Amino acid sequence: MAENKKGFILYADTIHSVNMLNNAQSGKLFKHILAYVNDKNPEVRDPMVKLAFEPIKQYLKRDLRKYEDMLKKKSEAGKKGMAKRWGKDNKNNTSYQSITSITDTDRDRDTDKDIHRSFAHLSISKKEYQKLCDDHGGDNTDMILDQIENYKANKKYKSLYLTAKNWLRKLPKEEAEDKLVKQAKQLGYVK
């Protein structure tokens, strides 16, 4: 039997052969099967048990070949998947990246200089922050960013900019009106 294989299949139609044996022979057959699948190379002297074991032996060998073929196919598929994912030729399974280069997260387009604010897994660039400040005011934007940072379930968010933009949209109307008045004052329409 194959290494690390902990089981085998005993087919239900084997009952027809076993029914032709008496209880003592059936017990010997069962023990013989267990010794065979555990690579003990047993020998049987009883011709009836030997006759009943032969078809079982053949399907155990057939199933073992199928199992080994399946393992080989899964191994090849795993190597192909790894090569596709990491862009490596992995025929001998010797090409792999160390865990530190795989988990290096500083490969994004934003450099640390472009980041206005970051916490946990979220960050917002200076450009995005300025857009929010222009649309909603700096105080409101900072307040919302603080709320998002302190929000317990912020791990589900993917983008700090989009989250802040959505949260700012949900501000009460009074604060939105204040924003309009503030913009009008900045433009000189209202004194």
N, C-alpha and C. Protein backbone atom coordinates (compact mmCIF):
# COMPACT_ATOMS: atom_id res chain seq x y z
N MET A 1 0.84 -1.17 0.00
CA MET A 1 0.00 0.00 0.00
C MET A 1 0.89 1.24 0.00
N ALA A 2 0.37 2.34 -0.50
CA ALA A 2 1.14 3.58 -0.61
C ALA A 2 1.46 4.15 0.77
N GLU A 3 2.58 4.90 0.82
CA GLU A 3 2.94 5.54 2.08
C GLU A 3 1.91 6.61 2.43
N ASN A 4 1.67 6.78 3.69
CA ASN A 4 0.74 7.78 4.22
C ASN A 4 -0.71 7.58 3.79
N LYS A 5 -1.01 6.46 3.19
CA LYS A 5 -2.40 6.16 2.84
C LYS A 5 -2.98 5.37 4.00
N LYS A 6 -4.02 5.88 4.59
CA LYS A 6 -4.54 5.31 5.83
C LYS A 6 -5.79 4.45 5.64
N GLY A 7 -6.24 4.29 4.41
CA GLY A 7 -7.45 3.52 4.22
C GLY A 7 -7.48 2.85 2.85
N PHE A 8 -8.49 2.04 2.66
CA PHE A 8 -8.72 1.38 1.38
C PHE A 8 -10.20 1.14 1.25
N ILE A 9 -10.62 0.82 0.03
CA ILE A 9 -12.04 0.59 -0.23
C ILE A 9 -12.28 -0.91 -0.34
N LEU A 10 -13.25 -1.38 0.41
CA LEU A 10 -13.70 -2.77 0.32
C LEU A 10 -15.10 -2.72 -0.30
N TYR A 11 -15.22 -3.22 -1.51
CA TYR A 11 -16.46 -3.08 -2.26
C TYR A 11 -17.55 -4.01 -1.74
N ALA A 12 -18.79 -3.56 -1.82
CA ALA A 12 -19.94 -4.30 -1.30
C ALA A 12 -20.18 -5.61 -2.04
N ASP A 13 -19.83 -5.67 -3.32
CA ASP A 13 -20.08 -6.91 -4.07
C ASP A 13 -19.12 -8.04 -3.69
N THR A 14 -18.19 -7.77 -2.79
CA THR A 14 -17.30 -8.81 -2.27
C THR A 14 -18.09 -9.81 -1.43
N ILE A 15 -19.26 -9.42 -0.99
CA ILE A 15 -20.09 -10.29 -0.15
C ILE A 15 -20.38 -11.64 -0.82
N HIS A 16 -20.45 -11.64 -2.14
CA HIS A 16 -20.77 -12.88 -2.86
C HIS A 16 -19.66 -13.92 -2.67
N SER A 17 -18.41 -13.47 -2.68
CA SER A 17 -17.29 -14.39 -2.45
C SER A 17 -17.21 -14.81 -0.99
N VAL A 18 -17.46 -13.87 -0.09
CA VAL A 18 -17.34 -14.14 1.34
C VAL A 18 -18.45 -15.08 1.81
N ASN A 19 -19.64 -14.99 1.22
CA ASN A 19 -20.75 -15.87 1.60
C ASN A 19 -20.45 -17.34 1.30
N MET A 20 -19.53 -17.59 0.39
CA MET A 20 -19.19 -18.98 0.06
C MET A 20 -18.22 -19.58 1.07
N LEU A 21 -17.70 -18.76 1.97
CA LEU A 21 -16.75 -19.23 2.99
C LEU A 21 -17.48 -19.42 4.31
N ASN A 22 -16.93 -20.31 5.16
CA ASN A 22 -17.50 -20.42 6.51
C ASN A 22 -16.93 -19.28 7.36
N ASN A 23 -17.39 -19.16 8.59
CA ASN A 23 -16.98 -18.04 9.45
C ASN A 23 -15.48 -18.02 9.72
N ALA A 24 -14.87 -19.16 9.92
CA ALA A 24 -13.43 -19.22 10.18
C ALA A 24 -12.65 -18.75 8.96
N GLN A 25 -13.08 -19.19 7.78
CA GLN A 25 -12.40 -18.77 6.55
C GLN A 25 -12.62 -17.27 6.28
N SER A 26 -13.84 -16.78 6.59
CA SER A 26 -14.12 -15.34 6.41
C SER A 26 -13.22 -14.51 7.31
N GLY A 27 -13.02 -14.96 8.54
CA GLY A 27 -12.12 -14.26 9.46
C GLY A 27 -10.69 -14.26 8.96
N LYS A 28 -10.25 -15.42 8.42
CA LYS A 28 -8.90 -15.51 7.86
C LYS A 28 -8.76 -14.57 6.66
N LEU A 29 -9.82 -14.51 5.84
CA LEU A 29 -9.80 -13.62 4.66
C LEU A 29 -9.67 -12.16 5.10
N PHE A 30 -10.44 -11.78 6.10
CA PHE A 30 -10.39 -10.40 6.58
C PHE A 30 -9.01 -10.06 7.13
N LYS A 31 -8.46 -10.96 7.93
CA LYS A 31 -7.12 -10.73 8.49
C LYS A 31 -6.07 -10.69 7.37
N HIS A 32 -6.24 -11.52 6.36
CA HIS A 32 -5.32 -11.55 5.22
C HIS A 32 -5.37 -10.22 4.46
N ILE A 33 -6.58 -9.70 4.26
CA ILE A 33 -6.74 -8.40 3.56
C ILE A 33 -6.03 -7.30 4.35
N LEU A 34 -6.23 -7.26 5.67
CA LEU A 34 -5.59 -6.23 6.49
C LEU A 34 -4.07 -6.36 6.46
N ALA A 35 -3.56 -7.59 6.51
CA ALA A 35 -2.11 -7.78 6.44
C ALA A 35 -1.58 -7.34 5.07
N TYR A 36 -2.33 -7.62 4.01
CA TYR A 36 -1.91 -7.27 2.66
C TYR A 36 -1.83 -5.75 2.48
N VAL A 37 -2.85 -5.02 2.91
CA VAL A 37 -2.86 -3.56 2.72
C VAL A 37 -1.86 -2.86 3.64
N ASN A 38 -1.38 -3.54 4.68
CA ASN A 38 -0.35 -2.99 5.55
C ASN A 38 1.04 -3.49 5.18
N ASP A 39 1.19 -4.01 3.95
CA ASP A 39 2.48 -4.45 3.39
C ASP A 39 3.18 -5.52 4.21
N LYS A 40 2.41 -6.48 4.75
CA LYS A 40 3.00 -7.57 5.54
C LYS A 40 3.33 -8.78 4.66
N ASN A 41 2.91 -8.78 3.39
CA ASN A 41 3.11 -9.88 2.45
C ASN A 41 2.68 -11.23 3.04
N PRO A 42 1.41 -11.35 3.38
CA PRO A 42 0.93 -12.59 4.02
C PRO A 42 0.83 -13.74 3.01
N GLU A 43 0.89 -14.93 3.54
CA GLU A 43 0.69 -16.13 2.72
C GLU A 43 -0.48 -16.91 3.30
N VAL A 44 -1.30 -17.46 2.40
CA VAL A 44 -2.48 -18.21 2.80
C VAL A 44 -2.33 -19.64 2.33
N ARG A 45 -2.68 -20.58 3.22
CA ARG A 45 -2.60 -21.99 2.84
C ARG A 45 -3.96 -22.53 2.43
N ASP A 46 -5.01 -21.94 2.94
CA ASP A 46 -6.37 -22.40 2.62
C ASP A 46 -6.71 -21.99 1.19
N PRO A 47 -6.97 -22.97 0.31
CA PRO A 47 -7.24 -22.63 -1.10
C PRO A 47 -8.52 -21.81 -1.28
N MET A 48 -9.50 -21.99 -0.44
CA MET A 48 -10.76 -21.22 -0.58
C MET A 48 -10.52 -19.73 -0.25
N VAL A 49 -9.75 -19.49 0.80
CA VAL A 49 -9.43 -18.11 1.18
C VAL A 49 -8.57 -17.48 0.08
N LYS A 50 -7.63 -18.25 -0.44
CA LYS A 50 -6.76 -17.76 -1.52
C LYS A 50 -7.59 -17.42 -2.75
N LEU A 51 -8.55 -18.26 -3.08
CA LEU A 51 -9.43 -18.05 -4.23
C LEU A 51 -10.31 -16.81 -4.02
N ALA A 52 -10.82 -16.63 -2.82
CA ALA A 52 -11.67 -15.47 -2.53
C ALA A 52 -10.85 -14.18 -2.48
N PHE A 53 -9.57 -14.30 -2.10
CA PHE A 53 -8.73 -13.10 -1.97
C PHE A 53 -8.25 -12.57 -3.32
N GLU A 54 -8.10 -13.41 -4.31
CA GLU A 54 -7.50 -12.98 -5.59
C GLU A 54 -8.24 -11.81 -6.25
N PRO A 55 -9.57 -11.82 -6.40
CA PRO A 55 -10.22 -10.66 -7.01
C PRO A 55 -10.10 -9.40 -6.13
N ILE A 56 -10.09 -9.60 -4.81
CA ILE A 56 -9.93 -8.46 -3.90
C ILE A 56 -8.54 -7.86 -4.09
N LYS A 57 -7.54 -8.71 -4.21
CA LYS A 57 -6.17 -8.26 -4.42
C LYS A 57 -6.06 -7.44 -5.71
N GLN A 58 -6.74 -7.91 -6.76
CA GLN A 58 -6.68 -7.20 -8.05
C GLN A 58 -7.31 -5.80 -7.96
N TYR A 59 -8.47 -5.68 -7.30
CA TYR A 59 -9.06 -4.34 -7.24
C TYR A 59 -8.32 -3.45 -6.25
N LEU A 60 -7.66 -4.03 -5.24
CA LEU A 60 -6.82 -3.20 -4.35
C LEU A 60 -5.63 -2.62 -5.13
N LYS A 61 -5.03 -3.43 -5.99
CA LYS A 61 -3.92 -2.95 -6.83
C LYS A 61 -4.41 -1.88 -7.80
N ARG A 62 -5.57 -2.11 -8.41
CA ARG A 62 -6.14 -1.15 -9.36
C ARG A 62 -6.44 0.18 -8.65
N ASP A 63 -7.03 0.11 -7.47
CA ASP A 63 -7.33 1.33 -6.72
C ASP A 63 -6.06 2.06 -6.29
N LEU A 64 -5.01 1.31 -5.97
CA LEU A 64 -3.75 1.93 -5.58
C LEU A 64 -3.14 2.69 -6.77
N ARG A 65 -3.21 2.11 -7.96
CA ARG A 65 -2.70 2.80 -9.15
C ARG A 65 -3.49 4.09 -9.40
N LYS A 66 -4.82 4.03 -9.25
CA LYS A 66 -5.65 5.23 -9.40
C LYS A 66 -5.27 6.29 -8.38
N TYR A 67 -5.03 5.87 -7.15
CA TYR A 67 -4.66 6.79 -6.08
C TYR A 67 -3.33 7.47 -6.39
N GLU A 68 -2.35 6.69 -6.84
CA GLU A 68 -1.04 7.26 -7.15
C GLU A 68 -1.12 8.20 -8.35
N ASP A 69 -1.94 7.87 -9.35
CA ASP A 69 -2.15 8.77 -10.49
C ASP A 69 -2.80 10.08 -10.04
N MET A 70 -3.78 9.96 -9.15
CA MET A 70 -4.46 11.15 -8.65
C MET A 70 -3.48 12.04 -7.89
N LEU A 71 -2.62 11.46 -7.05
CA LEU A 71 -1.62 12.24 -6.32
C LEU A 71 -0.68 12.97 -7.28
N LYS A 72 -0.26 12.27 -8.33
CA LYS A 72 0.64 12.87 -9.30
C LYS A 72 -0.04 14.04 -10.01
N LYS A 73 -1.31 13.87 -10.40
CA LYS A 73 -2.04 14.95 -11.08
C LYS A 73 -2.23 16.15 -10.16
N LYS A 74 -2.56 15.89 -8.90
CA LYS A 74 -2.74 17.00 -7.95
C LYS A 74 -1.43 17.73 -7.71
N SER A 75 -0.33 17.00 -7.65
CA SER A 75 0.96 17.63 -7.46
C SER A 75 1.31 18.53 -8.65
N GLU A 76 1.08 18.03 -9.86
CA GLU A 76 1.35 18.82 -11.05
C GLU A 76 0.45 20.05 -11.11
N ALA A 77 -0.82 19.89 -10.75
CA ALA A 77 -1.75 21.02 -10.75
C ALA A 77 -1.31 22.06 -9.72
N GLY A 78 -0.85 21.61 -8.57
CA GLY A 78 -0.37 22.54 -7.55
C GLY A 78 0.86 23.31 -8.02
N LYS A 79 1.76 22.62 -8.71
CA LYS A 79 2.95 23.29 -9.24
C LYS A 79 2.57 24.32 -10.31
N LYS A 80 1.61 23.95 -11.17
CA LYS A 80 1.16 24.89 -12.20
C LYS A 80 0.48 26.11 -11.57
N GLY A 81 -0.33 25.85 -10.55
CA GLY A 81 -1.01 26.95 -9.87
C GLY A 81 -0.02 27.89 -9.21
N MET A 82 1.00 27.34 -8.60
CA MET A 82 2.01 28.18 -7.97
C MET A 82 2.77 28.98 -9.02
N ALA A 83 3.11 28.31 -10.13
CA ALA A 83 3.84 29.01 -11.20
C ALA A 83 2.98 30.13 -11.77
N LYS A 84 1.70 29.89 -11.95
CA LYS A 84 0.81 30.91 -12.48
C LYS A 84 0.67 32.06 -11.50
N ARG A 85 0.56 31.74 -10.22
CA ARG A 85 0.38 32.79 -9.22
C ARG A 85 1.63 33.63 -9.04
N TRP A 86 2.77 33.00 -8.97
CA TRP A 86 4.00 33.72 -8.66
C TRP A 86 4.88 33.96 -9.89
N GLY A 87 4.45 33.47 -11.05
CA GLY A 87 5.22 33.71 -12.27
C GLY A 87 6.56 33.01 -12.27
N LYS A 88 6.61 31.85 -11.72
CA LYS A 88 7.86 31.10 -11.64
C LYS A 88 7.72 29.77 -12.37
N ASP A 89 8.85 29.30 -12.91
CA ASP A 89 8.89 27.96 -13.49
C ASP A 89 9.21 27.01 -12.35
N ASN A 90 8.31 26.06 -12.10
CA ASN A 90 8.43 25.25 -10.89
C ASN A 90 8.42 23.76 -11.22
N LYS A 91 9.16 23.35 -12.25
CA LYS A 91 9.14 21.94 -12.64
C LYS A 91 9.75 21.04 -11.57
N ASN A 92 10.79 21.51 -10.91
CA ASN A 92 11.46 20.70 -9.90
C ASN A 92 11.07 21.09 -8.48
N ASN A 93 10.10 21.96 -8.37
CA ASN A 93 9.60 22.43 -7.07
C ASN A 93 10.72 23.02 -6.22
N THR A 94 11.68 23.68 -6.88
CA THR A 94 12.77 24.32 -6.14
C THR A 94 12.68 25.83 -6.19
N SER A 95 11.80 26.35 -7.02
CA SER A 95 11.68 27.79 -7.18
C SER A 95 10.54 28.31 -6.32
N TYR A 96 10.87 29.03 -5.28
CA TYR A 96 9.84 29.60 -4.43
C TYR A 96 10.37 30.89 -3.84
N GLN A 97 9.47 31.73 -3.40
CA GLN A 97 9.85 32.99 -2.78
C GLN A 97 9.86 32.82 -1.27
N SER A 98 10.76 33.53 -0.64
CA SER A 98 10.74 33.48 0.81
C SER A 98 9.51 34.21 1.31
N ILE A 99 9.07 33.90 2.48
CA ILE A 99 7.83 34.46 3.02
C ILE A 99 7.92 35.97 3.18
N THR A 100 9.09 36.52 3.44
CA THR A 100 9.19 37.96 3.62
C THR A 100 8.95 38.72 2.33
N SER A 101 9.39 38.19 1.21
CA SER A 101 9.14 38.90 -0.04
C SER A 101 7.71 38.72 -0.51
N ILE A 102 7.07 37.64 -0.11
CA ILE A 102 5.67 37.44 -0.48
C ILE A 102 4.78 38.40 0.29
N THR A 103 5.08 38.62 1.55
CA THR A 103 4.23 39.46 2.39
C THR A 103 4.64 40.92 2.39
N ASP A 104 5.63 41.29 1.59
CA ASP A 104 6.04 42.70 1.52
C ASP A 104 4.91 43.51 0.92
N THR A 105 4.41 44.46 1.67
CA THR A 105 3.25 45.23 1.22
C THR A 105 3.62 46.61 0.70
N ASP A 106 4.87 46.93 0.61
CA ASP A 106 5.27 48.26 0.19
C ASP A 106 5.50 48.32 -1.32
N ARG A 107 4.71 47.59 -2.09
CA ARG A 107 4.86 47.56 -3.54
C ARG A 107 3.78 48.36 -4.25
N ASP A 108 2.93 49.04 -3.52
CA ASP A 108 1.85 49.77 -4.15
C ASP A 108 2.37 51.03 -4.82
N ARG A 109 1.52 51.68 -5.61
CA ARG A 109 1.92 52.86 -6.35
C ARG A 109 2.15 54.06 -5.45
N ASP A 110 1.38 54.15 -4.37
CA ASP A 110 1.55 55.27 -3.45
C ASP A 110 2.81 55.05 -2.63
N THR A 111 3.65 56.07 -2.64
CA THR A 111 4.80 55.99 -1.76
C THR A 111 4.39 56.55 -0.42
N ASP A 112 5.24 56.38 0.57
CA ASP A 112 4.92 56.86 1.90
C ASP A 112 4.76 58.38 1.92
N LYS A 113 5.37 59.09 0.97
CA LYS A 113 5.27 60.54 0.92
C LYS A 113 3.88 61.00 0.48
N ASP A 114 3.17 60.19 -0.31
CA ASP A 114 1.85 60.56 -0.82
C ASP A 114 0.73 60.31 0.18
N ILE A 115 1.00 59.59 1.24
CA ILE A 115 -0.02 59.21 2.20
C ILE A 115 -0.27 60.35 3.17
N HIS A 116 -1.52 60.78 3.27
CA HIS A 116 -1.88 61.81 4.24
C HIS A 116 -2.09 61.20 5.63
N ARG A 117 -2.82 60.08 5.64
CA ARG A 117 -3.16 59.46 6.92
C ARG A 117 -3.37 57.97 6.70
N SER A 118 -2.91 57.17 7.63
CA SER A 118 -3.14 55.73 7.52
C SER A 118 -3.30 55.15 8.92
N PHE A 119 -4.10 54.09 8.98
CA PHE A 119 -4.27 53.32 10.21
C PHE A 119 -4.76 51.95 9.82
N ALA A 120 -4.37 50.97 10.61
CA ALA A 120 -4.70 49.57 10.34
C ALA A 120 -4.34 49.25 8.89
N HIS A 121 -5.29 48.81 8.10
CA HIS A 121 -5.03 48.46 6.71
C HIS A 121 -5.48 49.53 5.74
N LEU A 122 -5.97 50.66 6.24
CA LEU A 122 -6.50 51.72 5.41
C LEU A 122 -5.56 52.92 5.35
N SER A 123 -5.55 53.59 4.21
CA SER A 123 -4.78 54.82 4.09
C SER A 123 -5.47 55.71 3.06
N ILE A 124 -5.17 57.00 3.16
CA ILE A 124 -5.75 57.97 2.23
C ILE A 124 -4.61 58.86 1.75
N SER A 125 -4.57 59.10 0.46
CA SER A 125 -3.50 59.92 -0.11
C SER A 125 -3.81 61.39 0.12
N LYS A 126 -2.80 62.21 -0.07
CA LYS A 126 -2.97 63.65 0.10
C LYS A 126 -3.97 64.20 -0.91
N LYS A 127 -3.94 63.66 -2.12
CA LYS A 127 -4.84 64.10 -3.19
C LYS A 127 -6.30 63.77 -2.83
N GLU A 128 -6.53 62.55 -2.36
CA GLU A 128 -7.89 62.15 -1.97
C GLU A 128 -8.39 62.96 -0.77
N TYR A 129 -7.49 63.19 0.18
CA TYR A 129 -7.86 63.97 1.35
C TYR A 129 -8.26 65.39 0.94
N GLN A 130 -7.51 65.97 0.02
CA GLN A 130 -7.80 67.33 -0.44
C GLN A 130 -9.16 67.39 -1.15
N LYS A 131 -9.48 66.36 -1.93
CA LYS A 131 -10.80 66.31 -2.59
C LYS A 131 -11.92 66.32 -1.56
N LEU A 132 -11.76 65.49 -0.52
CA LEU A 132 -12.78 65.44 0.53
C LEU A 132 -12.89 66.78 1.25
N CYS A 133 -11.75 67.42 1.52
CA CYS A 133 -11.77 68.71 2.19
C CYS A 133 -12.45 69.76 1.33
N ASP A 134 -12.19 69.74 0.02
CA ASP A 134 -12.82 70.70 -0.89
C ASP A 134 -14.33 70.50 -0.94
N ASP A 135 -14.77 69.25 -0.93
CA ASP A 135 -16.20 68.96 -1.05
C ASP A 135 -16.95 69.08 0.27
N HIS A 136 -16.31 68.73 1.38
CA HIS A 136 -17.03 68.63 2.65
C HIS A 136 -16.42 69.44 3.78
N GLY A 137 -15.33 70.10 3.54
CA GLY A 137 -14.68 70.90 4.59
C GLY A 137 -13.68 70.07 5.38
N GLY A 138 -12.63 70.73 5.82
CA GLY A 138 -11.56 70.04 6.53
C GLY A 138 -11.97 69.49 7.87
N ASP A 139 -12.80 70.25 8.60
CA ASP A 139 -13.24 69.80 9.93
C ASP A 139 -14.08 68.54 9.83
N ASN A 140 -15.05 68.57 8.90
CA ASN A 140 -15.92 67.39 8.72
C ASN A 140 -15.10 66.18 8.28
N THR A 141 -14.17 66.40 7.36
CA THR A 141 -13.35 65.30 6.86
C THR A 141 -12.51 64.70 7.98
N ASP A 142 -11.87 65.55 8.78
CA ASP A 142 -11.06 65.04 9.89
C ASP A 142 -11.92 64.31 10.92
N MET A 143 -13.12 64.86 11.17
CA MET A 143 -14.02 64.22 12.13
C MET A 143 -14.41 62.81 11.64
N ILE A 144 -14.75 62.71 10.36
CA ILE A 144 -15.15 61.41 9.79
C ILE A 144 -13.98 60.43 9.79
N LEU A 145 -12.80 60.89 9.45
CA LEU A 145 -11.63 60.00 9.46
C LEU A 145 -11.36 59.48 10.87
N ASP A 146 -11.55 60.34 11.87
CA ASP A 146 -11.40 59.89 13.26
C ASP A 146 -12.45 58.84 13.61
N GLN A 147 -13.68 59.06 13.16
CA GLN A 147 -14.76 58.11 13.45
C GLN A 147 -14.49 56.76 12.79
N ILE A 148 -14.00 56.79 11.56
CA ILE A 148 -13.70 55.53 10.86
C ILE A 148 -12.57 54.80 11.58
N GLU A 149 -11.57 55.54 12.00
CA GLU A 149 -10.44 54.91 12.70
C GLU A 149 -10.88 54.25 14.00
N ASN A 150 -11.83 54.87 14.69
CA ASN A 150 -12.30 54.33 15.97
C ASN A 150 -13.43 53.32 15.82
N TYR A 151 -13.95 53.16 14.61
CA TYR A 151 -15.04 52.22 14.37
C TYR A 151 -14.51 50.79 14.46
N LYS A 152 -15.16 49.96 15.25
CA LYS A 152 -14.66 48.60 15.50
C LYS A 152 -14.64 47.74 14.24
N ALA A 153 -15.63 47.90 13.38
CA ALA A 153 -15.76 47.03 12.21
C ALA A 153 -15.10 47.64 10.98
N ASN A 154 -14.06 48.47 11.14
CA ASN A 154 -13.46 49.08 9.97
C ASN A 154 -12.60 48.11 9.16
N LYS A 155 -12.43 46.90 9.64
CA LYS A 155 -11.63 45.92 8.91
C LYS A 155 -12.29 45.47 7.62
N LYS A 156 -13.60 45.67 7.50
CA LYS A 156 -14.29 45.23 6.29
C LYS A 156 -14.14 46.24 5.15
N TYR A 157 -13.66 47.43 5.44
CA TYR A 157 -13.52 48.45 4.41
C TYR A 157 -12.25 48.24 3.60
N LYS A 158 -12.35 48.55 2.31
CA LYS A 158 -11.21 48.38 1.42
C LYS A 158 -10.52 49.71 1.13
N SER A 159 -11.28 50.81 1.09
CA SER A 159 -10.73 52.09 0.72
C SER A 159 -11.16 53.14 1.74
N LEU A 160 -10.18 53.82 2.32
CA LEU A 160 -10.49 54.87 3.29
C LEU A 160 -11.15 56.05 2.60
N TYR A 161 -10.72 56.36 1.39
CA TYR A 161 -11.31 57.48 0.65
C TYR A 161 -12.79 57.24 0.38
N LEU A 162 -13.14 56.08 -0.18
CA LEU A 162 -14.54 55.79 -0.50
C LEU A 162 -15.40 55.69 0.75
N THR A 163 -14.84 55.10 1.80
CA THR A 163 -15.59 54.99 3.05
C THR A 163 -15.87 56.38 3.63
N ALA A 164 -14.84 57.22 3.66
CA ALA A 164 -15.02 58.58 4.18
C ALA A 164 -16.02 59.36 3.32
N LYS A 165 -15.94 59.19 2.03
CA LYS A 165 -16.86 59.88 1.11
C LYS A 165 -18.31 59.47 1.40
N ASN A 166 -18.54 58.17 1.60
CA ASN A 166 -19.89 57.68 1.92
C ASN A 166 -20.35 58.18 3.28
N TRP A 167 -19.48 58.16 4.27
CA TRP A 167 -19.85 58.62 5.60
C TRP A 167 -20.14 60.12 5.58
N LEU A 168 -19.37 60.87 4.80
CA LEU A 168 -19.60 62.32 4.72
C LEU A 168 -20.95 62.62 4.06
N ARG A 169 -21.36 61.80 3.11
CA ARG A 169 -22.67 61.99 2.45
C ARG A 169 -23.81 61.82 3.45
N LYS A 170 -23.57 61.00 4.48
CA LYS A 170 -24.62 60.69 5.44
C LYS A 170 -24.70 61.70 6.59
N LEU A 171 -23.86 62.71 6.57
CA LEU A 171 -23.91 63.74 7.62
C LEU A 171 -25.27 64.42 7.61
N PRO A 172 -25.73 64.88 8.76
CA PRO A 172 -27.02 65.58 8.81
C PRO A 172 -27.00 66.83 7.94
N LYS A 173 -28.18 67.23 7.48
CA LYS A 173 -28.32 68.35 6.55
C LYS A 173 -27.78 69.65 7.12
N GLU A 174 -27.91 69.86 8.42
CA GLU A 174 -27.44 71.10 9.04
C GLU A 174 -25.96 71.30 8.76
N GLU A 175 -25.19 70.23 8.93
CA GLU A 175 -23.76 70.35 8.69
C GLU A 175 -23.49 70.58 7.21
N ALA A 176 -24.30 69.99 6.34
CA ALA A 176 -24.14 70.22 4.91
C ALA A 176 -24.45 71.66 4.56
N GLU A 177 -25.49 72.24 5.18
CA GLU A 177 -25.82 73.64 4.95
C GLU A 177 -24.69 74.53 5.43
N ASP A 178 -24.12 74.22 6.57
CA ASP A 178 -22.98 74.98 7.06
C ASP A 178 -21.85 74.97 6.05
N LYS A 179 -21.67 73.84 5.39
CA LYS A 179 -20.63 73.71 4.38
C LYS A 179 -20.91 74.65 3.23
N LEU A 180 -22.19 74.71 2.80
CA LEU A 180 -22.56 75.60 1.71
C LEU A 180 -22.36 77.06 2.09
N VAL A 181 -22.75 77.41 3.29
CA VAL A 181 -22.57 78.78 3.76
C VAL A 181 -21.09 79.11 3.82
N LYS A 182 -20.30 78.16 4.28
CA LYS A 182 -18.86 78.36 4.39
C LYS A 182 -18.25 78.60 3.01
N GLN A 183 -18.68 77.79 2.02
CA GLN A 183 -18.18 77.96 0.66
C GLN A 183 -18.61 79.30 0.08
N ALA A 184 -19.87 79.69 0.36
CA ALA A 184 -20.36 80.97 -0.14
C ALA A 184 -19.57 82.11 0.47
N LYS A 185 -19.23 82.00 1.74
CA LYS A 185 -18.43 83.03 2.37
C LYS A 185 -17.04 83.10 1.76
N GLN A 186 -16.49 81.93 1.47
CA GLN A 186 -15.15 81.89 0.86
C GLN A 186 -15.16 82.55 -0.51
N LEU A 187 -16.25 82.36 -1.24
CA LEU A 187 -16.35 82.94 -2.59
C LEU A 187 -16.80 84.39 -2.56
N GLY A 188 -17.23 84.85 -1.41
CA GLY A 188 -17.61 86.25 -1.29
C GLY A 188 -19.07 86.54 -1.60
N TYR A 189 -19.91 85.53 -1.72
CA TYR A 189 -21.32 85.74 -1.99
C TYR A 189 -22.09 86.12 -0.74
N VAL A 190 -21.66 85.62 0.41
CA VAL A 190 -22.33 85.89 1.67
C VAL A 190 -21.30 86.48 2.63
N LYS A 191 -21.77 87.44 3.42
CA LYS A 191 -20.84 88.05 4.37
C LYS A 191 -21.13 87.59 5.76
